[in-house]
Full PDB file with SEQRES, HELIX, SHEET, SSBOND, CRYST1, ORIGX, SCALE, CONECT and MASTER records, all heavy atoms in Angstrom:
SEQRES   1 A   36  ALA PHE GLU GLU PHE GLU LYS GLU LEU LYS ARG ARG GLY          
SEQRES   2 A   36  THR LYS PHE PHE GLY GLY GLU THR ILE GLY PHE VAL ASP          
SEQRES   3 A   36  ILE VAL ALA GLY CYS ILE SER TYR GLN LEU                      
HELIX    1 AA1 PHE A    2  ARG A   12  1                                  11    
HELIX    2 AA2 PHE A   24  ALA A   29  1                                   6    
HELIX    3 AA3 CYS A   31  GLN A   35  1                                   5    
CRYST1    1.000    1.000    1.000  90.00  90.00  90.00 P 1           1          
ORIGX1      1.000000  0.000000  0.000000        0.00000                         
ORIGX2      0.000000  1.000000  0.000000        0.00000                         
ORIGX3      0.000000  0.000000  1.000000        0.00000                         
SCALE1      1.000000  0.000000  0.000000        0.00000                         
SCALE2      0.000000  1.000000  0.000000        0.00000                         
SCALE3      0.000000  0.000000  1.000000        0.00000                         
ATOM      1  N   ALA A   1      15.187  14.036   5.609  1.00  0.00           N  
ATOM      2  CA  ALA A   1      14.053  13.112   5.702  1.00  0.00           C  
ATOM      3  C   ALA A   1      14.401  11.783   5.027  1.00  0.00           C  
ATOM      4  O   ALA A   1      14.087  10.712   5.557  1.00  0.00           O  
ATOM      5  CB  ALA A   1      12.821  13.734   5.054  1.00  0.00           C  
ATOM      6  N   PHE A   2      15.054  11.850   3.895  1.00  0.00           N  
ATOM      7  CA  PHE A   2      15.465  10.638   3.206  1.00  0.00           C  
ATOM      8  C   PHE A   2      16.489   9.854   4.021  1.00  0.00           C  
ATOM      9  O   PHE A   2      16.498   8.613   3.986  1.00  0.00           O  
ATOM     10  CB  PHE A   2      16.036  10.975   1.823  1.00  0.00           C  
ATOM     11  CG  PHE A   2      14.999  11.036   0.739  1.00  0.00           C  
ATOM     12  CD1 PHE A   2      14.184  12.163   0.611  1.00  0.00           C  
ATOM     13  CD2 PHE A   2      14.830   9.987  -0.139  1.00  0.00           C  
ATOM     14  CE1 PHE A   2      13.229  12.232  -0.386  1.00  0.00           C  
ATOM     15  CE2 PHE A   2      13.864  10.048  -1.139  1.00  0.00           C  
ATOM     16  CZ  PHE A   2      13.067  11.162  -1.258  1.00  0.00           C  
ATOM     17  N   GLU A   3      17.328  10.548   4.751  1.00  0.00           N  
ATOM     18  CA  GLU A   3      18.299   9.865   5.612  1.00  0.00           C  
ATOM     19  C   GLU A   3      17.606   9.030   6.667  1.00  0.00           C  
ATOM     20  O   GLU A   3      18.025   7.897   6.967  1.00  0.00           O  
ATOM     21  CB  GLU A   3      19.238  10.896   6.254  1.00  0.00           C  
ATOM     22  CG  GLU A   3      20.237  11.501   5.281  1.00  0.00           C  
ATOM     23  CD  GLU A   3      21.031  12.649   5.896  1.00  0.00           C  
ATOM     24  OE1 GLU A   3      20.633  13.135   6.978  1.00  0.00           O  
ATOM     25  OE2 GLU A   3      22.033  13.076   5.278  1.00  0.00           O  
ATOM     26  N   GLU A   4      16.529   9.561   7.251  1.00  0.00           N  
ATOM     27  CA  GLU A   4      15.776   8.817   8.251  1.00  0.00           C  
ATOM     28  C   GLU A   4      15.067   7.614   7.619  1.00  0.00           C  
ATOM     29  O   GLU A   4      14.995   6.525   8.210  1.00  0.00           O  
ATOM     30  CB  GLU A   4      14.763   9.722   8.950  1.00  0.00           C  
ATOM     31  CG  GLU A   4      15.372  10.827   9.780  1.00  0.00           C  
ATOM     32  CD  GLU A   4      16.273  10.289  10.876  1.00  0.00           C  
ATOM     33  OE1 GLU A   4      15.964   9.222  11.444  1.00  0.00           O  
ATOM     34  OE2 GLU A   4      17.302  10.929  11.162  1.00  0.00           O  
ATOM     35  N   PHE A   5      14.536   7.813   6.444  1.00  0.00           N  
ATOM     36  CA  PHE A   5      13.875   6.730   5.722  1.00  0.00           C  
ATOM     37  C   PHE A   5      14.886   5.624   5.400  1.00  0.00           C  
ATOM     38  O   PHE A   5      14.567   4.442   5.513  1.00  0.00           O  
ATOM     39  CB  PHE A   5      13.274   7.304   4.433  1.00  0.00           C  
ATOM     40  CG  PHE A   5      11.807   7.006   4.286  1.00  0.00           C  
ATOM     41  CD1 PHE A   5      10.950   7.065   5.368  1.00  0.00           C  
ATOM     42  CD2 PHE A   5      11.277   6.676   3.049  1.00  0.00           C  
ATOM     43  CE1 PHE A   5       9.600   6.795   5.236  1.00  0.00           C  
ATOM     44  CE2 PHE A   5       9.930   6.414   2.903  1.00  0.00           C  
ATOM     45  CZ  PHE A   5       9.095   6.459   3.996  1.00  0.00           C  
ATOM     46  N   GLU A   6      16.065   6.022   4.993  1.00  0.00           N  
ATOM     47  CA  GLU A   6      17.135   5.070   4.673  1.00  0.00           C  
ATOM     48  C   GLU A   6      17.487   4.229   5.897  1.00  0.00           C  
ATOM     49  O   GLU A   6      17.621   2.997   5.815  1.00  0.00           O  
ATOM     50  CB  GLU A   6      18.370   5.827   4.172  1.00  0.00           C  
ATOM     51  CG  GLU A   6      19.579   4.963   3.856  1.00  0.00           C  
ATOM     52  CD  GLU A   6      19.501   4.268   2.514  1.00  0.00           C  
ATOM     53  OE1 GLU A   6      18.546   4.547   1.750  1.00  0.00           O  
ATOM     54  OE2 GLU A   6      20.391   3.451   2.213  1.00  0.00           O  
ATOM     55  N   LYS A   7      17.628   4.894   7.039  1.00  0.00           N  
ATOM     56  CA  LYS A   7      17.960   4.178   8.280  1.00  0.00           C  
ATOM     57  C   LYS A   7      16.883   3.152   8.622  1.00  0.00           C  
ATOM     58  O   LYS A   7      17.199   2.030   9.039  1.00  0.00           O  
ATOM     59  CB  LYS A   7      18.092   5.179   9.448  1.00  0.00           C  
ATOM     60  CG  LYS A   7      19.302   6.087   9.380  1.00  0.00           C  
ATOM     61  CD  LYS A   7      19.267   7.078  10.546  1.00  0.00           C  
ATOM     62  CE  LYS A   7      20.357   8.114  10.434  1.00  0.00           C  
ATOM     63  NZ  LYS A   7      20.244   9.146  11.513  1.00  0.00           N  
ATOM     64  N   GLU A   8      15.623   3.533   8.452  1.00  0.00           N  
ATOM     65  CA  GLU A   8      14.535   2.638   8.797  1.00  0.00           C  
ATOM     66  C   GLU A   8      14.494   1.424   7.869  1.00  0.00           C  
ATOM     67  O   GLU A   8      14.283   0.297   8.315  1.00  0.00           O  
ATOM     68  CB  GLU A   8      13.194   3.373   8.765  1.00  0.00           C  
ATOM     69  CG  GLU A   8      11.985   2.526   9.090  1.00  0.00           C  
ATOM     70  CD  GLU A   8      12.010   1.927  10.493  1.00  0.00           C  
ATOM     71  OE1 GLU A   8      12.832   2.357  11.325  1.00  0.00           O  
ATOM     72  OE2 GLU A   8      11.192   1.024  10.747  1.00  0.00           O  
ATOM     73  N   LEU A   9      14.722   1.642   6.594  1.00  0.00           N  
ATOM     74  CA  LEU A   9      14.747   0.521   5.656  1.00  0.00           C  
ATOM     75  C   LEU A   9      15.886  -0.446   5.978  1.00  0.00           C  
ATOM     76  O   LEU A   9      15.706  -1.665   5.952  1.00  0.00           O  
ATOM     77  CB  LEU A   9      14.902   1.039   4.230  1.00  0.00           C  
ATOM     78  CG  LEU A   9      13.613   1.266   3.426  1.00  0.00           C  
ATOM     79  CD1 LEU A   9      13.933   1.894   2.087  1.00  0.00           C  
ATOM     80  CD2 LEU A   9      12.859  -0.048   3.220  1.00  0.00           C  
ATOM     81  N   LYS A  10      17.059   0.112   6.283  1.00  0.00           N  
ATOM     82  CA  LYS A  10      18.206  -0.732   6.632  1.00  0.00           C  
ATOM     83  C   LYS A  10      17.940  -1.488   7.924  1.00  0.00           C  
ATOM     84  O   LYS A  10      18.326  -2.651   8.054  1.00  0.00           O  
ATOM     85  CB  LYS A  10      19.460   0.131   6.764  1.00  0.00           C  
ATOM     86  CG  LYS A  10      20.017   0.615   5.418  1.00  0.00           C  
ATOM     87  CD  LYS A  10      21.275   1.439   5.614  1.00  0.00           C  
ATOM     88  CE  LYS A  10      21.881   1.833   4.282  1.00  0.00           C  
ATOM     89  NZ  LYS A  10      23.086   2.687   4.449  1.00  0.00           N  
ATOM     90  N   ARG A  11      17.297  -0.823   8.883  1.00  0.00           N  
ATOM     91  CA  ARG A  11      16.997  -1.488  10.163  1.00  0.00           C  
ATOM     92  C   ARG A  11      16.084  -2.678   9.938  1.00  0.00           C  
ATOM     93  O   ARG A  11      16.263  -3.740  10.556  1.00  0.00           O  
ATOM     94  CB  ARG A  11      16.332  -0.492  11.114  1.00  0.00           C  
ATOM     95  CG  ARG A  11      16.073  -1.051  12.515  1.00  0.00           C  
ATOM     96  CD  ARG A  11      15.160  -0.158  13.330  1.00  0.00           C  
ATOM     97  NE  ARG A  11      13.804  -0.140  12.834  1.00  0.00           N  
ATOM     98  CZ  ARG A  11      12.911  -1.099  13.066  1.00  0.00           C  
ATOM     99  NH1 ARG A  11      13.218  -2.176  13.767  1.00  0.00           N  
ATOM    100  NH2 ARG A  11      11.674  -0.984  12.578  1.00  0.00           N  
ATOM    101  N   ARG A  12      15.111  -2.515   9.058  1.00  0.00           N  
ATOM    102  CA  ARG A  12      14.157  -3.586   8.801  1.00  0.00           C  
ATOM    103  C   ARG A  12      14.818  -4.737   8.049  1.00  0.00           C  
ATOM    104  O   ARG A  12      14.509  -5.900   8.288  1.00  0.00           O  
ATOM    105  CB  ARG A  12      12.959  -3.049   8.006  1.00  0.00           C  
ATOM    106  CG  ARG A  12      12.038  -2.150   8.820  1.00  0.00           C  
ATOM    107  CD  ARG A  12      10.964  -1.505   7.967  1.00  0.00           C  
ATOM    108  NE  ARG A  12      10.109  -0.668   8.784  1.00  0.00           N  
ATOM    109  CZ  ARG A  12       8.938  -1.066   9.285  1.00  0.00           C  
ATOM    110  NH1 ARG A  12       8.500  -2.281   9.055  1.00  0.00           N  
ATOM    111  NH2 ARG A  12       8.220  -0.237  10.017  1.00  0.00           N  
ATOM    112  N   GLY A  13      15.679  -4.385   7.092  1.00  0.00           N  
ATOM    113  CA  GLY A  13      16.341  -5.416   6.315  1.00  0.00           C  
ATOM    114  C   GLY A  13      15.412  -6.236   5.442  1.00  0.00           C  
ATOM    115  O   GLY A  13      15.688  -7.398   5.139  1.00  0.00           O  
ATOM    116  N   THR A  14      14.296  -5.661   5.035  1.00  0.00           N  
ATOM    117  CA  THR A  14      13.316  -6.359   4.217  1.00  0.00           C  
ATOM    118  C   THR A  14      13.180  -5.675   2.854  1.00  0.00           C  
ATOM    119  O   THR A  14      13.675  -4.576   2.643  1.00  0.00           O  
ATOM    120  CB  THR A  14      11.939  -6.382   4.901  1.00  0.00           C  
ATOM    121  OG1 THR A  14      11.554  -5.033   5.257  1.00  0.00           O  
ATOM    122  CG2 THR A  14      11.982  -7.224   6.164  1.00  0.00           C  
ATOM    123  N   LYS A  15      12.500  -6.355   1.959  1.00  0.00           N  
ATOM    124  CA  LYS A  15      12.331  -5.851   0.598  1.00  0.00           C  
ATOM    125  C   LYS A  15      11.501  -4.576   0.567  1.00  0.00           C  
ATOM    126  O   LYS A  15      11.784  -3.639  -0.192  1.00  0.00           O  
ATOM    127  CB  LYS A  15      11.668  -6.935  -0.256  1.00  0.00           C  
ATOM    128  CG  LYS A  15      11.694  -6.672  -1.743  1.00  0.00           C  
ATOM    129  CD  LYS A  15      11.150  -7.900  -2.487  1.00  0.00           C  
ATOM    130  CE  LYS A  15      11.203  -7.683  -3.982  1.00  0.00           C  
ATOM    131  NZ  LYS A  15      10.656  -8.877  -4.699  1.00  0.00           N  
ATOM    132  N   PHE A  16      10.490  -4.530   1.420  1.00  0.00           N  
ATOM    133  CA  PHE A  16       9.587  -3.377   1.505  1.00  0.00           C  
ATOM    134  C   PHE A  16       9.416  -2.965   2.962  1.00  0.00           C  
ATOM    135  O   PHE A  16       9.806  -3.698   3.870  1.00  0.00           O  
ATOM    136  CB  PHE A  16       8.213  -3.724   0.915  1.00  0.00           C  
ATOM    137  CG  PHE A  16       8.241  -4.156  -0.518  1.00  0.00           C  
ATOM    138  CD1 PHE A  16       8.050  -5.481  -0.862  1.00  0.00           C  
ATOM    139  CD2 PHE A  16       8.465  -3.230  -1.527  1.00  0.00           C  
ATOM    140  CE1 PHE A  16       8.075  -5.890  -2.190  1.00  0.00           C  
ATOM    141  CE2 PHE A  16       8.482  -3.624  -2.855  1.00  0.00           C  
ATOM    142  CZ  PHE A  16       8.294  -4.956  -3.187  1.00  0.00           C  
ATOM    143  N   PHE A  17       8.820  -1.814   3.176  1.00  0.00           N  
ATOM    144  CA  PHE A  17       8.477  -1.415   4.536  1.00  0.00           C  
ATOM    145  C   PHE A  17       7.492  -2.398   5.145  1.00  0.00           C  
ATOM    146  O   PHE A  17       7.476  -2.615   6.359  1.00  0.00           O  
ATOM    147  CB  PHE A  17       7.867  -0.007   4.563  1.00  0.00           C  
ATOM    148  CG  PHE A  17       8.882   1.092   4.427  1.00  0.00           C  
ATOM    149  CD1 PHE A  17       9.162   1.658   3.199  1.00  0.00           C  
ATOM    150  CD2 PHE A  17       9.566   1.577   5.540  1.00  0.00           C  
ATOM    151  CE1 PHE A  17      10.102   2.669   3.085  1.00  0.00           C  
ATOM    152  CE2 PHE A  17      10.495   2.582   5.433  1.00  0.00           C  
ATOM    153  CZ  PHE A  17      10.773   3.133   4.197  1.00  0.00           C  
ATOM    154  N   GLY A  18       6.676  -3.015   4.283  1.00  0.00           N  
ATOM    155  CA  GLY A  18       5.697  -3.992   4.746  1.00  0.00           C  
ATOM    156  C   GLY A  18       6.256  -5.391   4.873  1.00  0.00           C  
ATOM    157  O   GLY A  18       5.502  -6.328   5.086  1.00  0.00           O  
ATOM    158  N   GLY A  19       7.568  -5.550   4.748  1.00  0.00           N  
ATOM    159  CA  GLY A  19       8.197  -6.866   4.818  1.00  0.00           C  
ATOM    160  C   GLY A  19       8.572  -7.343   3.433  1.00  0.00           C  
ATOM    161  O   GLY A  19       9.202  -6.616   2.677  1.00  0.00           O  
ATOM    162  N   GLU A  20       8.164  -8.551   3.092  1.00  0.00           N  
ATOM    163  CA  GLU A  20       8.459  -9.084   1.754  1.00  0.00           C  
ATOM    164  C   GLU A  20       7.346  -8.780   0.767  1.00  0.00           C  
ATOM    165  O   GLU A  20       7.446  -9.119  -0.407  1.00  0.00           O  
ATOM    166  CB  GLU A  20       8.715 -10.587   1.839  1.00  0.00           C  
ATOM    167  CG  GLU A  20       9.960 -10.937   2.641  1.00  0.00           C  
ATOM    168  CD  GLU A  20      11.207 -10.190   2.173  1.00  0.00           C  
ATOM    169  OE1 GLU A  20      11.497 -10.228   0.956  1.00  0.00           O  
ATOM    170  OE2 GLU A  20      11.880  -9.566   3.032  1.00  0.00           O  
ATOM    171  N   THR A  21       6.284  -8.176   1.261  1.00  0.00           N  
ATOM    172  CA  THR A  21       5.188  -7.748   0.384  1.00  0.00           C  
ATOM    173  C   THR A  21       4.900  -6.259   0.629  1.00  0.00           C  
ATOM    174  O   THR A  21       5.208  -5.716   1.686  1.00  0.00           O  
ATOM    175  CB  THR A  21       3.905  -8.551   0.659  1.00  0.00           C  
ATOM    176  OG1 THR A  21       3.541  -8.404   2.038  1.00  0.00           O  
ATOM    177  CG2 THR A  21       4.100 -10.025   0.344  1.00  0.00           C  
ATOM    178  N   ILE A  22       4.294  -5.629  -0.352  1.00  0.00           N  
ATOM    179  CA  ILE A  22       3.991  -4.209  -0.275  1.00  0.00           C  
ATOM    180  C   ILE A  22       2.917  -3.960   0.783  1.00  0.00           C  
ATOM    181  O   ILE A  22       1.894  -4.657   0.823  1.00  0.00           O  
ATOM    182  CB  ILE A  22       3.520  -3.685  -1.650  1.00  0.00           C  
ATOM    183  CG1 ILE A  22       4.713  -3.703  -2.629  1.00  0.00           C  
ATOM    184  CG2 ILE A  22       2.933  -2.288  -1.552  1.00  0.00           C  
ATOM    185  CD1 ILE A  22       4.328  -3.412  -4.058  1.00  0.00           C  
ATOM    186  N   GLY A  23       3.165  -2.951   1.622  1.00  0.00           N  
ATOM    187  CA  GLY A  23       2.229  -2.646   2.691  1.00  0.00           C  
ATOM    188  C   GLY A  23       1.831  -1.181   2.718  1.00  0.00           C  
ATOM    189  O   GLY A  23       2.065  -0.425   1.766  1.00  0.00           O  
ATOM    190  N   PHE A  24       1.243  -0.780   3.808  1.00  0.00           N  
ATOM    191  CA  PHE A  24       0.675   0.558   3.990  1.00  0.00           C  
ATOM    192  C   PHE A  24       1.701   1.664   3.756  1.00  0.00           C  
ATOM    193  O   PHE A  24       1.453   2.611   2.995  1.00  0.00           O  
ATOM    194  CB  PHE A  24       0.120   0.635   5.413  1.00  0.00           C  
ATOM    195  CG  PHE A  24      -0.692   1.854   5.711  1.00  0.00           C  
ATOM    196  CD1 PHE A  24      -2.002   1.953   5.294  1.00  0.00           C  
ATOM    197  CD2 PHE A  24      -0.156   2.897   6.464  1.00  0.00           C  
ATOM    198  CE1 PHE A  24      -2.777   3.072   5.592  1.00  0.00           C  
ATOM    199  CE2 PHE A  24      -0.921   4.021   6.764  1.00  0.00           C  
ATOM    200  CZ  PHE A  24      -2.228   4.109   6.331  1.00  0.00           C  
ATOM    201  N   VAL A  25       2.874   1.564   4.399  1.00  0.00           N  
ATOM    202  CA  VAL A  25       3.906   2.608   4.269  1.00  0.00           C  
ATOM    203  C   VAL A  25       4.406   2.681   2.836  1.00  0.00           C  
ATOM    204  O   VAL A  25       4.624   3.776   2.293  1.00  0.00           O  
ATOM    205  CB  VAL A  25       5.064   2.372   5.246  1.00  0.00           C  
ATOM    206  CG1 VAL A  25       6.131   3.460   5.089  1.00  0.00           C  
ATOM    207  CG2 VAL A  25       4.559   2.328   6.674  1.00  0.00           C  
ATOM    208  N   ASP A  26       4.597   1.530   2.198  1.00  0.00           N  
ATOM    209  CA  ASP A  26       5.060   1.508   0.815  1.00  0.00           C  
ATOM    210  C   ASP A  26       4.096   2.252  -0.102  1.00  0.00           C  
ATOM    211  O   ASP A  26       4.529   3.010  -0.980  1.00  0.00           O  
ATOM    212  CB  ASP A  26       5.201   0.055   0.334  1.00  0.00           C  
ATOM    213  CG  ASP A  26       6.158  -0.739   1.191  1.00  0.00           C  
ATOM    214  OD1 ASP A  26       7.358  -0.481   1.121  1.00  0.00           O  
ATOM    215  OD2 ASP A  26       5.676  -1.620   1.944  1.00  0.00           O  
ATOM    216  N   ILE A  27       2.810   2.044   0.098  1.00  0.00           N  
ATOM    217  CA  ILE A  27       1.823   2.699  -0.750  1.00  0.00           C  
ATOM    218  C   ILE A  27       1.807   4.211  -0.506  1.00  0.00           C  
ATOM    219  O   ILE A  27       1.746   4.997  -1.456  1.00  0.00           O  
ATOM    220  CB  ILE A  27       0.428   2.090  -0.493  1.00  0.00           C  
ATOM    221  CG1 ILE A  27       0.381   0.660  -1.030  1.00  0.00           C  
ATOM    222  CG2 ILE A  27      -0.666   2.930  -1.140  1.00  0.00           C  
ATOM    223  CD1 ILE A  27      -0.902  -0.081  -0.741  1.00  0.00           C  
ATOM    224  N   VAL A  28       1.880   4.633   0.749  1.00  0.00           N  
ATOM    225  CA  VAL A  28       1.887   6.065   1.049  1.00  0.00           C  
ATOM    226  C   VAL A  28       3.136   6.732   0.480  1.00  0.00           C  
ATOM    227  O   VAL A  28       3.073   7.839  -0.071  1.00  0.00           O  
ATOM    228  CB  VAL A  28       1.785   6.293   2.566  1.00  0.00           C  
ATOM    229  CG1 VAL A  28       1.952   7.784   2.890  1.00  0.00           C  
ATOM    230  CG2 VAL A  28       0.440   5.798   3.097  1.00  0.00           C  
ATOM    231  N   ALA A  29       4.277   6.059   0.606  1.00  0.00           N  
ATOM    232  CA  ALA A  29       5.541   6.635   0.121  1.00  0.00           C  
ATOM    233  C   ALA A  29       5.780   6.364  -1.348  1.00  0.00           C  
ATOM    234  O   ALA A  29       6.750   6.873  -1.931  1.00  0.00           O  
ATOM    235  CB  ALA A  29       6.694   6.067   0.942  1.00  0.00           C  
ATOM    236  N   GLY A  30       4.906   5.576  -1.964  1.00  0.00           N  
ATOM    237  CA  GLY A  30       5.168   5.074  -3.318  1.00  0.00           C  
ATOM    238  C   GLY A  30       5.365   6.110  -4.395  1.00  0.00           C  
ATOM    239  O   GLY A  30       6.039   5.845  -5.392  1.00  0.00           O  
ATOM    240  N   CYS A  31       4.793   7.310  -4.220  1.00  0.00           N  
ATOM    241  CA  CYS A  31       4.954   8.330  -5.260  1.00  0.00           C  
ATOM    242  C   CYS A  31       6.412   8.729  -5.464  1.00  0.00           C  
ATOM    243  O   CYS A  31       6.790   9.219  -6.527  1.00  0.00           O  
ATOM    244  CB  CYS A  31       4.108   9.562  -4.945  1.00  0.00           C  
ATOM    245  SG  CYS A  31       4.528  10.385  -3.385  1.00  0.00           S  
ATOM    246  N   ILE A  32       7.249   8.492  -4.439  1.00  0.00           N  
ATOM    247  CA  ILE A  32       8.676   8.767  -4.569  1.00  0.00           C  
ATOM    248  C   ILE A  32       9.251   8.010  -5.757  1.00  0.00           C  
ATOM    249  O   ILE A  32      10.092   8.524  -6.500  1.00  0.00           O  
ATOM    250  CB  ILE A  32       9.436   8.341  -3.289  1.00  0.00           C  
ATOM    251  CG1 ILE A  32       9.006   9.174  -2.088  1.00  0.00           C  
ATOM    252  CG2 ILE A  32      10.951   8.431  -3.482  1.00  0.00           C  
ATOM    253  CD1 ILE A  32       9.502   8.616  -0.761  1.00  0.00           C  
ATOM    254  N   SER A  33       8.784   6.793  -5.945  1.00  0.00           N  
ATOM    255  CA  SER A  33       9.376   5.893  -6.929  1.00  0.00           C  
ATOM    256  C   SER A  33       9.294   6.409  -8.364  1.00  0.00           C  
ATOM    257  O   SER A  33      10.209   6.205  -9.154  1.00  0.00           O  
ATOM    258  CB  SER A  33       8.713   4.518  -6.845  1.00  0.00           C  
ATOM    259  OG  SER A  33       7.347   4.600  -7.225  1.00  0.00           O  
ATOM    260  N   TYR A  34       8.196   7.071  -8.696  1.00  0.00           N  
ATOM    261  CA  TYR A  34       8.032   7.507 -10.085  1.00  0.00           C  
ATOM    262  C   TYR A  34       7.917   9.019 -10.265  1.00  0.00           C  
ATOM    263  O   TYR A  34       8.162   9.541 -11.356  1.00  0.00           O  
ATOM    264  CB  TYR A  34       6.796   6.817 -10.711  1.00  0.00           C  
ATOM    265  CG  TYR A  34       5.473   7.320 -10.195  1.00  0.00           C  
ATOM    266  CD1 TYR A  34       4.739   8.265 -10.887  1.00  0.00           C  
ATOM    267  CD2 TYR A  34       4.941   6.837  -8.995  1.00  0.00           C  
ATOM    268  CE1 TYR A  34       3.526   8.723 -10.415  1.00  0.00           C  
ATOM    269  CE2 TYR A  34       3.732   7.278  -8.520  1.00  0.00           C  
ATOM    270  CZ  TYR A  34       3.020   8.219  -9.232  1.00  0.00           C  
ATOM    271  OH  TYR A  34       1.809   8.673  -8.758  1.00  0.00           O  
ATOM    272  N   GLN A  35       7.583   9.744  -9.189  1.00  0.00           N  
ATOM    273  CA  GLN A  35       7.456  11.201  -9.322  1.00  0.00           C  
ATOM    274  C   GLN A  35       8.727  11.962  -8.948  1.00  0.00           C  
ATOM    275  O   GLN A  35       8.968  13.040  -9.469  1.00  0.00           O  
ATOM    276  CB  GLN A  35       6.285  11.714  -8.461  1.00  0.00           C  
ATOM    277  CG  GLN A  35       4.926  11.390  -9.043  1.00  0.00           C  
ATOM    278  CD  GLN A  35       3.813  12.211  -8.408  1.00  0.00           C  
ATOM    279  OE1 GLN A  35       3.933  12.719  -7.294  1.00  0.00           O  
ATOM    280  NE2 GLN A  35       2.705  12.349  -9.112  1.00  0.00           N  
ATOM    281  N   LEU A  36       9.525  11.393  -8.049  1.00  0.00           N  
ATOM    282  CA  LEU A  36      10.715  12.106  -7.605  1.00  0.00           C  
ATOM    283  C   LEU A  36      11.639  12.496  -8.762  1.00  0.00           C  
ATOM    284  O   LEU A  36      12.118  13.637  -8.801  1.00  0.00           O  
ATOM    285  CB  LEU A  36      11.483  11.288  -6.557  1.00  0.00           C  
ATOM    286  CG  LEU A  36      12.774  11.930  -6.044  1.00  0.00           C  
ATOM    287  CD1 LEU A  36      12.501  13.276  -5.380  1.00  0.00           C  
ATOM    288  CD2 LEU A  36      13.471  11.000  -5.054  1.00  0.00           C  
TER     289      LEU A  36                                                      
MASTER        0    0    0    3    0    0    0    6  288    1    0    3          
END                                                                             
């Protein structure tokens, strides 16, 4: 699952899934950042 997420982030080439600002996907996936 992380491999697919990695591919999508690289494809976008942006700071966040929401572009240069935090968006919907970033918030839903955000627990990864501090709970993982």
